[in-house]
Protein backbone atom coordinates (compact mmCIF):
# COMPACT_ATOMS: atom_id res chain seq x y z
CA MET A 1 -0.04 -0.19 0.19
CA THR A 2 1.79 3.41 -1.06
CA LEU A 3 -0.03 6.75 0.88
CA LEU A 4 0.75 10.29 -0.59
CA SER A 5 1.46 12.98 2.18
CA GLU A 6 0.29 16.61 0.99
CA SER A 7 4.08 17.23 -0.09
CA ALA A 8 3.59 14.38 -2.70
CA LEU A 9 5.76 11.95 -0.94
CA ALA A 10 5.20 8.38 -1.55
CA VAL A 11 5.50 6.18 1.73
CA SER A 12 5.23 2.38 1.45
CA LEU A 13 3.60 0.42 4.60
CA LYS A 14 3.31 -3.33 4.64
CA ILE A 15 0.11 -4.82 6.29
CA CYS A 16 0.02 -8.25 7.31
CA PRO A 17 -3.00 -10.15 5.71
CA GLN A 18 -5.29 -9.81 8.53
CA CYS A 19 -4.72 -6.31 9.16
CA LYS A 20 -5.70 -5.48 6.01
CA CYS A 21 -8.89 -7.52 5.88
CA SER A 22 -9.58 -5.90 9.22
CA LEU A 23 -9.21 -2.37 7.73
CA ALA A 24 -10.83 -3.11 4.52
CA GLN A 25 -13.32 -3.77 6.78
CA GLU A 26 -13.21 -0.40 8.42
CA LYS A 27 -12.04 -2.00 11.71
CA ILE A 28 -9.47 -2.01 13.89
CA PRO A 29 -7.25 -4.79 13.70
CA SER A 30 -7.19 -7.04 16.65
CA LEU A 31 -3.25 -6.68 17.48
CA ALA A 32 -3.17 -2.96 16.78
CA LEU A 33 -1.52 -0.66 19.31
CA ALA A 34 -4.56 1.26 19.23
CA ASN A 35 -6.35 -1.12 21.14
CA GLY A 36 -4.22 -0.57 23.90
CA LEU A 37 -1.81 -3.41 24.01
CA PHE A 38 0.82 -1.26 24.05
CA ARG A 39 2.52 -0.97 27.36
CA GLY A 40 5.26 1.11 27.16
CA SER A 41 9.24 0.34 27.17
CA LEU A 42 11.12 -1.13 29.88
CA PRO A 43 13.72 0.75 31.87
CA ASP A 44 17.15 0.38 31.12
CA GLN A 45 17.61 -1.49 34.21
CA PHE A 46 15.76 -4.69 32.41
CA HIS A 47 17.36 -4.56 29.34
CA ASP A 48 19.77 -7.44 29.85
CA LEU A 49 16.66 -9.47 31.29
CA THR A 50 17.40 -13.27 30.00
CA TRP A 51 14.67 -14.92 28.25
CA VAL A 52 14.07 -17.33 31.56
CA GLU A 53 14.15 -14.62 33.54
CA GLU A 54 11.05 -13.34 31.73
CA LYS A 55 9.47 -16.39 31.42
CA ILE A 56 9.85 -16.37 35.39
CA CYS A 57 7.80 -13.07 35.75
CA ALA A 58 5.38 -14.18 32.93
CA ILE A 59 1.41 -14.45 33.98
CA TYR A 60 0.80 -16.52 31.04
CA SER A 61 3.03 -19.31 29.09
CA ILE A 62 2.21 -19.98 26.15
CA THR A 63 5.59 -21.49 24.73
CA ALA A 64 7.38 -24.80 25.24
CA HIS A 65 11.49 -24.15 24.82
CA VAL A 66 13.21 -26.98 23.16
CA THR A 67 17.02 -26.27 23.20
CA ARG A 68 19.42 -29.08 21.54
CA LEU A 69 23.22 -28.30 22.30
CA PHE A 70 26.55 -30.01 21.16
CA GLN A 71 29.75 -29.71 23.48
CA SER A 72 33.12 -29.17 21.24
CA SER A 73 34.88 -32.86 21.16
CA ASP A 74 37.60 -30.53 19.81
CA PRO A 75 40.44 -31.90 23.17
CA SER A 76 41.82 -27.44 22.27
CA GLN A 77 37.90 -26.31 23.05
CA PRO A 78 36.52 -29.15 25.27
CA LYS A 79 34.18 -26.23 27.36
CA VAL A 80 32.90 -24.77 23.82
CA PHE A 81 29.40 -25.46 23.74
CA HIS A 82 26.87 -24.72 20.53
CA GLY A 83 23.46 -25.25 19.63
CA ASN A 84 19.92 -23.79 19.26
CA THR A 85 16.89 -22.97 20.83
CA CYS A 86 13.09 -23.38 19.49
CA ALA A 87 9.97 -22.18 21.22
CA HIS A 88 7.10 -23.91 20.29
CA ASP A 89 3.44 -21.95 20.56
CA THR A 90 1.07 -24.14 22.80
CA ASN A 91 -2.19 -23.82 24.16
CA VAL A 92 -2.28 -21.19 27.11
CA MET A 93 -0.09 -23.62 29.71
CA SER A 94 -0.47 -21.83 32.99
CA THR A 95 -1.81 -18.88 34.31
CA ALA A 96 0.01 -17.22 36.94
CA SER A 97 -1.70 -15.87 40.35
CA VAL A 98 1.72 -16.10 42.56
CA LEU A 99 4.60 -15.06 40.93
CA PRO A 100 7.67 -15.34 40.27
CA ARG A 101 6.97 -19.13 39.00
CA THR A 102 8.68 -22.03 40.67
CA PRO A 103 11.74 -23.61 39.38
CA ALA A 104 10.17 -26.69 38.55
CA ASP A 105 7.00 -24.72 36.71
CA ILE A 106 10.18 -22.85 34.43
CA ASN A 107 11.84 -26.51 34.12
CA GLY A 108 8.24 -28.29 32.75
CA PHE A 109 8.28 -25.72 29.95
CA LEU A 110 11.61 -26.47 29.19
CA SER A 111 13.28 -29.49 27.07
CA VAL A 112 17.55 -29.43 26.63
CA VAL A 113 18.85 -32.47 24.65
CA PHE A 114 22.83 -32.28 25.41
CA ILE A 115 25.19 -34.12 22.89
CA GLY A 116 28.80 -34.33 24.08
CA PRO A 117 31.51 -36.38 25.01
CA GLN A 118 31.36 -35.90 28.48
CA PRO A 119 28.70 -35.39 31.34
CA PHE A 120 26.42 -31.92 30.62
CA ASP A 121 27.96 -29.60 32.90
CA PRO A 122 25.48 -26.88 33.79
CA LYS A 123 28.33 -24.41 35.34
CA ARG A 124 29.44 -23.65 31.62
CA MET A 125 26.24 -22.93 30.21
CA GLY A 126 27.17 -18.75 30.60
CA MET A 127 24.49 -17.01 29.92
CA LEU A 128 21.87 -19.43 28.43
CA PHE A 129 19.92 -20.32 31.36
CA ARG A 130 21.26 -17.78 33.44
CA VAL A 131 19.03 -16.32 36.39
CA ARG A 132 19.27 -13.51 38.55
CA LYS A 133 17.58 -13.26 42.12
CA HIS A 134 17.14 -9.43 41.88
CA LYS A 135 16.96 -8.67 38.68
CA ILE A 136 13.71 -11.19 39.05
CA TRP A 137 12.16 -9.26 42.03
CA SER A 138 13.07 -6.05 40.58
CA PHE A 139 11.29 -6.91 37.57
CA LEU A 140 8.36 -8.30 39.19
CA VAL A 141 8.24 -5.30 41.69
CA TRP A 142 8.18 -2.73 38.71
CA LEU A 143 5.45 -4.63 36.74
CA LYS A 144 3.17 -4.65 39.63
CA SER A 145 3.40 -1.33 40.23
CA HIS A 146 3.66 -0.07 35.90
CA ASN A 147 1.15 -2.91 34.68
CA CYS A 148 -2.57 -3.27 35.10
CA LEU A 149 -2.36 -6.81 34.48
CA TYR A 150 -0.19 -7.69 37.21
CA ALA A 151 -2.16 -5.47 40.23
CA ASP A 152 -3.51 -8.20 41.58
CA ILE A 153 -0.76 -10.65 41.38
CA GLU A 154 0.83 -12.15 44.71
CA LEU A 155 4.76 -11.35 44.81
CA ASP A 156 6.14 -14.80 46.90
CA LEU A 157 9.85 -14.03 48.57
CA ALA A 158 9.47 -17.72 49.31
CA VAL A 159 9.50 -18.75 45.62
CA LEU A 160 12.36 -16.11 45.14
CA ASP A 161 14.55 -17.79 47.74
CA GLN A 162 14.40 -21.04 45.21
CA TYR A 163 16.30 -19.27 42.77
CA PRO A 164 20.41 -18.56 43.25
CA ALA A 165 21.51 -15.18 43.56
CA ASP A 166 23.21 -15.63 39.97
CA GLY A 167 23.72 -18.92 38.36
CA SER A 168 21.89 -21.25 36.20
CA LEU A 169 17.95 -22.18 36.63
CA PRO A 170 18.20 -24.82 39.74
CA GLY A 171 16.80 -28.52 38.45
CA LEU A 172 18.08 -28.15 34.80
CA HIS A 173 20.64 -30.66 35.20
CA GLU A 174 17.95 -32.98 36.00
CA ARG A 175 15.91 -32.90 32.84
CA VAL A 176 18.38 -32.91 30.53
CA PRO A 177 19.28 -36.07 29.00
CA GLN A 178 22.67 -37.06 28.10
CA THR A 179 23.68 -38.41 24.72
CA ARG A 180 26.94 -39.38 23.69
CA ARG A 181 28.34 -37.79 20.51
CA ARG A 182 29.53 -41.38 18.98
CA ALA A 183 26.02 -43.25 19.43
CA MET A 184 24.07 -40.10 18.17
CA LEU A 185 26.22 -39.78 14.70
CA GLN A 186 25.65 -43.64 14.86
CA VAL A 187 22.06 -43.29 14.65
CA MET A 188 21.72 -40.36 12.24
CA ASN A 189 24.13 -42.13 9.82
CA ARG A 190 21.92 -45.14 9.63
């Protein structure tokens, strides 16, 4: 769609098919910002939240995450991990009335498949599954005072105490099936 302004400057605007259909019927698209969906920008102090920390603070959980990790078999770099994480849409699996979510809740939404020559060591994961207790609590307090959806949510310090001050998601290592690289390659080459 091309719009012409008063100064005859051409502007190009891309519109998804659902929105175009709504606009053709002179209706506001359901996901338009005009429907009050924009909640503002986050303060700078929350720009470094990890995706796991966001999931811990979310009222609704609508995705499941599958991560497949490979450990380097190069003897000069045995601590290098590479892989990918996929998020899969699901029906609303859980609506929280108390936050933060427990580590067991979060682990229930995750699946990590680890392939490597040595056992999985969550201490080497770096930022991938990092949680910081102070960030989680600060974010929840901020959400409660700045987002009407969080106004009636109970914040529970006892649940927060289940998280480390700064470290990997508790219980993650128990949910990771170990697969030796050679065995996996043999199965894949069949």
